[in-house]
Amino acid sequence: MSLGGMSDEETGPDSDPWAALVKAAEQAAAQEQAAKESTLYPITSRAKAGKRERIVLAKRRNSRRVVRTLAELEDQTSVGEVLVRQLVRVQLMLSVRLMLLTVVVLGAIPVVFLLVPSLGTTTILGLRLPWLLLGLAVYPFFVAVAWTYNRGAERNEQDFAEMVEN
């Protein structure tokens, strides 16, 4: 018997937690009704009706490992140092990749205009194509690179936190 008087088979990892809650609530209501109907010993039936049961829907995590890993990080032990160094290395690789992408894309614009001079004289909406690309189109590209970096950095930090917690 584990969860509100239910057997372990009924509360396995594949069982529905809401169904378990409903069943526990029905059992508690039935016990309360039985306590109200019992007039022979009203004091003991009240004591039974007032008893609280703890219903747990999820397994508790083993927090000892989390505390130990966090202590290693805070105390700057060799294990914690390796973990932090790994996070810094992953973040650095992400920033270097995106920096190289930015340099290649922005460096390719003048090279394309140098190799194909007719593109330099093309006008769109009364403005020359080089001015449009370098003056307007570059900023959405910068925003996209920054957005990609933020998402990647957050994902790396979440992976690091999950690794520390597990």
C-alpha atoms as a PDB file:
ATOM      1  CA  MET A   1       0.000   0.000   0.000  1.00  0.00           C
ATOM      2  CA  SER A   2       1.466   3.315  -0.941  1.00  0.00           C
ATOM      3  CA  LEU A   3      -0.578   6.134  -2.437  1.00  0.00           C
ATOM      4  CA  GLY A   4      -3.697   6.793  -0.375  1.00  0.00           C
ATOM      5  CA  GLY A   5      -4.362   3.111   0.270  1.00  0.00           C
ATOM      6  CA  MET A   6      -3.737   1.985  -3.312  1.00  0.00           C
ATOM      7  CA  SER A   7      -1.392  -0.834  -4.211  1.00  0.00           C
ATOM      8  CA  ASP A   8       1.938  -0.241  -5.977  1.00  0.00           C
ATOM      9  CA  GLU A   9       0.552  -1.824  -9.147  1.00  0.00           C
ATOM     10  CA  GLU A  10      -2.098   0.903  -9.410  1.00  0.00           C
ATOM     11  CA  THR A  11       0.448   3.692  -8.935  1.00  0.00           C
ATOM     12  CA  GLY A  12       3.150   2.623 -11.367  1.00  0.00           C
ATOM     13  CA  PRO A  13       4.939   5.054 -13.661  1.00  0.00           C
ATOM     14  CA  ASP A  14       2.405   4.447 -16.448  1.00  0.00           C
ATOM     15  CA  SER A  15      -0.685   5.070 -14.287  1.00  0.00           C
ATOM     16  CA  ASP A  16      -2.698   8.250 -14.590  1.00  0.00           C
ATOM     17  CA  PRO A  17      -1.955  10.547 -11.608  1.00  0.00           C
ATOM     18  CA  TRP A  18      -5.346  12.250 -11.865  1.00  0.00           C
ATOM     19  CA  ALA A  19      -7.124   8.916 -11.710  1.00  0.00           C
ATOM     20  CA  ALA A  20      -5.125   8.128  -8.581  1.00  0.00           C
ATOM     21  CA  LEU A  21      -6.156  11.478  -7.076  1.00  0.00           C
ATOM     22  CA  VAL A  22      -9.816  10.903  -7.889  1.00  0.00           C
ATOM     23  CA  LYS A  23      -9.685   7.421  -6.402  1.00  0.00           C
ATOM     24  CA  ALA A  24      -7.972   8.708  -3.246  1.00  0.00           C
ATOM     25  CA  ALA A  25     -10.579  11.473  -2.927  1.00  0.00           C
ATOM     26  CA  GLU A  26     -13.401   8.938  -3.320  1.00  0.00           C
ATOM     27  CA  GLN A  27     -11.838   6.739  -0.647  1.00  0.00           C
ATOM     28  CA  ALA A  28     -11.467   9.715   1.703  1.00  0.00           C
ATOM     29  CA  ALA A  29     -15.098  10.693   1.103  1.00  0.00           C
ATOM     30  CA  ALA A  30     -16.207   7.123   1.803  1.00  0.00           C
ATOM     31  CA  GLN A  31     -14.198   7.071   5.040  1.00  0.00           C
ATOM     32  CA  GLU A  32     -15.679  10.411   6.090  1.00  0.00           C
ATOM     33  CA  GLN A  33     -19.197   9.156   5.354  1.00  0.00           C
ATOM     34  CA  ALA A  34     -18.529   6.006   7.366  1.00  0.00           C
ATOM     35  CA  ALA A  35     -17.242   8.142  10.239  1.00  0.00           C
ATOM     36  CA  LYS A  36     -20.399  10.291  10.196  1.00  0.00           C
ATOM     37  CA  GLU A  37     -22.640   7.223  10.212  1.00  0.00           C
ATOM     38  CA  SER A  38     -20.777   5.692  13.119  1.00  0.00           C
ATOM     39  CA  THR A  39     -22.545   6.935  16.268  1.00  0.00           C
ATOM     40  CA  LEU A  40     -21.312   4.221  18.585  1.00  0.00           C
ATOM     41  CA  TYR A  41     -17.903   5.805  19.198  1.00  0.00           C
ATOM     42  CA  PRO A  42     -18.120   9.437  17.950  1.00  0.00           C
ATOM     43  CA  ILE A  43     -14.781  10.549  19.415  1.00  0.00           C
ATOM     44  CA  THR A  44     -12.724   7.819  17.739  1.00  0.00           C
ATOM     45  CA  SER A  45     -14.546   8.178  14.442  1.00  0.00           C
ATOM     46  CA  ARG A  46     -13.806  11.915  14.478  1.00  0.00           C
ATOM     47  CA  ALA A  47     -10.155  11.179  15.122  1.00  0.00           C
ATOM     48  CA  LYS A  48     -10.107   8.808  12.176  1.00  0.00           C
ATOM     49  CA  ALA A  49     -11.887  11.318   9.923  1.00  0.00           C
ATOM     50  CA  GLY A  50      -9.373  14.035  10.842  1.00  0.00           C
ATOM     51  CA  LYS A  51      -6.363  11.918   9.910  1.00  0.00           C
ATOM     52  CA  ARG A  52      -4.504  13.388   6.940  1.00  0.00           C
ATOM     53  CA  GLU A  53      -2.992  11.354   4.169  1.00  0.00           C
ATOM     54  CA  ARG A  54      -0.159  12.479   1.952  1.00  0.00           C
ATOM     55  CA  ILE A  55      -0.670  11.846  -1.760  1.00  0.00           C
ATOM     56  CA  VAL A  56       2.435  11.927  -3.933  1.00  0.00           C
ATOM     57  CA  LEU A  57       2.019  12.022  -7.708  1.00  0.00           C
ATOM     58  CA  ALA A  58       5.673  11.951  -8.718  1.00  0.00           C
ATOM     59  CA  LYS A  59       8.826  10.305  -7.504  1.00  0.00           C
ATOM     60  CA  ARG A  60      11.179  12.472  -5.517  1.00  0.00           C
ATOM     61  CA  ARG A  61      14.558  13.061  -7.014  1.00  0.00           C
ATOM     62  CA  ASN A  62      17.611  11.900  -5.215  1.00  0.00           C
ATOM     63  CA  SER A  63      18.834  15.223  -3.914  1.00  0.00           C
ATOM     64  CA  ARG A  64      22.064  13.963  -2.342  1.00  0.00           C
ATOM     65  CA  ARG A  65      23.862  13.856  -5.690  1.00  0.00           C
ATOM     66  CA  VAL A  66      22.638  17.363  -6.561  1.00  0.00           C
ATOM     67  CA  VAL A  67      23.876  18.726  -3.257  1.00  0.00           C
ATOM     68  CA  ARG A  68      27.241  16.975  -3.669  1.00  0.00           C
ATOM     69  CA  THR A  69      27.713  18.286  -7.233  1.00  0.00           C
ATOM     70  CA  LEU A  70      26.642  21.796  -6.259  1.00  0.00           C
ATOM     71  CA  ALA A  71      29.073  21.670  -3.334  1.00  0.00           C
ATOM     72  CA  GLU A  72      31.856  20.666  -5.730  1.00  0.00           C
ATOM     73  CA  LEU A  73      30.984  23.619  -7.955  1.00  0.00           C
ATOM     74  CA  GLU A  74      30.825  26.079  -5.055  1.00  0.00           C
ATOM     75  CA  ASP A  75      33.987  24.793  -3.368  1.00  0.00           C
ATOM     76  CA  GLN A  76      35.821  24.908  -6.703  1.00  0.00           C
ATOM     77  CA  THR A  77      37.111  21.368  -6.432  1.00  0.00           C
ATOM     78  CA  SER A  78      38.807  19.694  -9.376  1.00  0.00           C
ATOM     79  CA  VAL A  79      35.547  18.023 -10.459  1.00  0.00           C
ATOM     80  CA  GLY A  80      33.642  21.308 -10.256  1.00  0.00           C
ATOM     81  CA  GLU A  81      36.442  23.054 -12.112  1.00  0.00           C
ATOM     82  CA  VAL A  82      36.240  20.489 -14.932  1.00  0.00           C
ATOM     83  CA  LEU A  83      32.450  20.900 -15.151  1.00  0.00           C
ATOM     84  CA  VAL A  84      32.672  24.689 -15.334  1.00  0.00           C
ATOM     85  CA  ARG A  85      35.551  24.526 -17.827  1.00  0.00           C
ATOM     86  CA  GLN A  86      33.440  22.237 -20.025  1.00  0.00           C
ATOM     87  CA  LEU A  87      30.532  24.715 -19.934  1.00  0.00           C
ATOM     88  CA  VAL A  88      32.851  27.616 -20.805  1.00  0.00           C
ATOM     89  CA  ARG A  89      34.363  25.589 -23.666  1.00  0.00           C
ATOM     90  CA  VAL A  90      30.928  24.778 -25.111  1.00  0.00           C
ATOM     91  CA  GLN A  91      29.842  28.430 -24.852  1.00  0.00           C
ATOM     92  CA  LEU A  92      33.098  29.558 -26.484  1.00  0.00           C
ATOM     93  CA  MET A  93      32.668  27.124 -29.375  1.00  0.00           C
ATOM     94  CA  LEU A  94      29.145  28.419 -29.963  1.00  0.00           C
ATOM     95  CA  SER A  95      30.330  32.023 -30.053  1.00  0.00           C
ATOM     96  CA  VAL A  96      33.285  31.213 -32.352  1.00  0.00           C
ATOM     97  CA  ARG A  97      31.023  29.373 -34.801  1.00  0.00           C
ATOM     98  CA  LEU A  98      28.572  32.261 -34.978  1.00  0.00           C
ATOM     99  CA  MET A  99      31.388  34.804 -35.243  1.00  0.00           C
ATOM    100  CA  LEU A 100      32.881  32.901 -38.178  1.00  0.00           C
ATOM    101  CA  LEU A 101      29.473  32.746 -39.849  1.00  0.00           C
ATOM    102  CA  THR A 102      29.080  36.514 -39.434  1.00  0.00           C
ATOM    103  CA  VAL A 103      32.564  37.237 -40.797  1.00  0.00           C
ATOM    104  CA  VAL A 104      32.054  34.950 -43.796  1.00  0.00           C
ATOM    105  CA  VAL A 105      28.647  36.387 -44.697  1.00  0.00           C
ATOM    106  CA  LEU A 106      29.660  40.024 -44.232  1.00  0.00           C
ATOM    107  CA  GLY A 107      33.017  39.467 -45.923  1.00  0.00           C
ATOM    108  CA  ALA A 108      31.323  37.800 -48.888  1.00  0.00           C
ATOM    109  CA  ILE A 109      29.206  40.859 -49.701  1.00  0.00           C
ATOM    110  CA  PRO A 110      32.086  43.086 -50.907  1.00  0.00           C
ATOM    111  CA  VAL A 111      33.759  40.125 -52.620  1.00  0.00           C
ATOM    112  CA  VAL A 112      30.589  39.418 -54.614  1.00  0.00           C
ATOM    113  CA  PHE A 113      30.381  43.074 -55.666  1.00  0.00           C
ATOM    114  CA  LEU A 114      34.055  42.979 -56.657  1.00  0.00           C
ATOM    115  CA  LEU A 115      33.644  39.787 -58.724  1.00  0.00           C
ATOM    116  CA  VAL A 116      30.323  40.855 -60.309  1.00  0.00           C
ATOM    117  CA  PRO A 117      30.568  44.637 -60.888  1.00  0.00           C
ATOM    118  CA  SER A 118      27.125  44.819 -62.521  1.00  0.00           C
ATOM    119  CA  LEU A 119      25.539  44.068 -59.110  1.00  0.00           C
ATOM    120  CA  GLY A 120      27.128  47.223 -57.733  1.00  0.00           C
ATOM    121  CA  THR A 121      25.250  49.389 -60.201  1.00  0.00           C
ATOM    122  CA  THR A 122      21.862  47.693 -59.739  1.00  0.00           C
ATOM    123  CA  THR A 123      19.257  49.962 -58.158  1.00  0.00           C
ATOM    124  CA  ILE A 124      16.223  48.927 -56.128  1.00  0.00           C
ATOM    125  CA  LEU A 125      13.712  51.578 -55.031  1.00  0.00           C
ATOM    126  CA  GLY A 126      16.120  54.262 -56.149  1.00  0.00           C
ATOM    127  CA  LEU A 127      18.987  52.959 -53.991  1.00  0.00           C
ATOM    128  CA  ARG A 128      21.997  50.982 -55.133  1.00  0.00           C
ATOM    129  CA  LEU A 129      22.120  47.335 -54.081  1.00  0.00           C
ATOM    130  CA  PRO A 130      25.364  47.642 -52.029  1.00  0.00           C
ATOM    131  CA  TRP A 131      23.828  50.408 -49.921  1.00  0.00           C
ATOM    132  CA  LEU A 132      20.673  48.394 -49.371  1.00  0.00           C
ATOM    133  CA  LEU A 133      22.578  45.274 -48.350  1.00  0.00           C
ATOM    134  CA  LEU A 134      25.141  46.988 -46.136  1.00  0.00           C
ATOM    135  CA  GLY A 135      22.779  49.627 -44.784  1.00  0.00           C
ATOM    136  CA  LEU A 136      19.572  47.685 -44.225  1.00  0.00           C
ATOM    137  CA  ALA A 137      19.841  43.931 -44.743  1.00  0.00           C
ATOM    138  CA  VAL A 138      22.790  43.513 -42.369  1.00  0.00           C
ATOM    139  CA  TYR A 139      20.805  44.430 -39.252  1.00  0.00           C
ATOM    140  CA  PRO A 140      18.201  41.649 -39.515  1.00  0.00           C
ATOM    141  CA  PHE A 141      21.140  39.289 -40.065  1.00  0.00           C
ATOM    142  CA  PHE A 142      22.761  40.569 -36.840  1.00  0.00           C
ATOM    143  CA  VAL A 143      19.492  40.095 -34.962  1.00  0.00           C
ATOM    144  CA  ALA A 144      19.181  36.535 -36.277  1.00  0.00           C
ATOM    145  CA  VAL A 145      22.745  35.712 -35.214  1.00  0.00           C
ATOM    146  CA  ALA A 146      22.173  37.230 -31.753  1.00  0.00           C
ATOM    147  CA  TRP A 147      18.896  35.340 -31.342  1.00  0.00           C
ATOM    148  CA  THR A 148      20.609  32.097 -32.362  1.00  0.00           C
ATOM    149  CA  TYR A 149      23.415  32.741 -29.880  1.00  0.00           C
ATOM    150  CA  ASN A 150      20.973  33.399 -27.021  1.00  0.00           C
ATOM    151  CA  ARG A 151      19.007  30.238 -27.733  1.00  0.00           C
ATOM    152  CA  GLY A 152      22.180  28.165 -28.008  1.00  0.00           C
ATOM    153  CA  ALA A 153      23.668  29.615 -24.816  1.00  0.00           C
ATOM    154  CA  GLU A 154      20.458  28.991 -22.877  1.00  0.00           C
ATOM    155  CA  ARG A 155      20.296  25.430 -24.214  1.00  0.00           C
ATOM    156  CA  ASN A 156      23.923  24.845 -23.151  1.00  0.00           C
ATOM    157  CA  GLU A 157      23.189  26.193 -19.670  1.00  0.00           C
ATOM    158  CA  GLN A 158      20.076  24.024 -19.350  1.00  0.00           C
ATOM    159  CA  ASP A 159      22.070  20.970 -20.417  1.00  0.00           C
ATOM    160  CA  PHE A 160      24.706  21.851 -17.828  1.00  0.00           C
ATOM    161  CA  ALA A 161      22.069  22.280 -15.085  1.00  0.00           C
ATOM    162  CA  GLU A 162      20.437  18.954 -15.989  1.00  0.00           C
ATOM    163  CA  MET A 163      23.826  17.239 -15.965  1.00  0.00           C
ATOM    164  CA  VAL A 164      24.554  18.672 -12.504  1.00  0.00           C
ATOM    165  CA  GLU A 165      21.128  17.709 -11.169  1.00  0.00           C
ATOM    166  CA  ASN A 166      21.255  14.166 -12.532  1.00  0.00           C
END
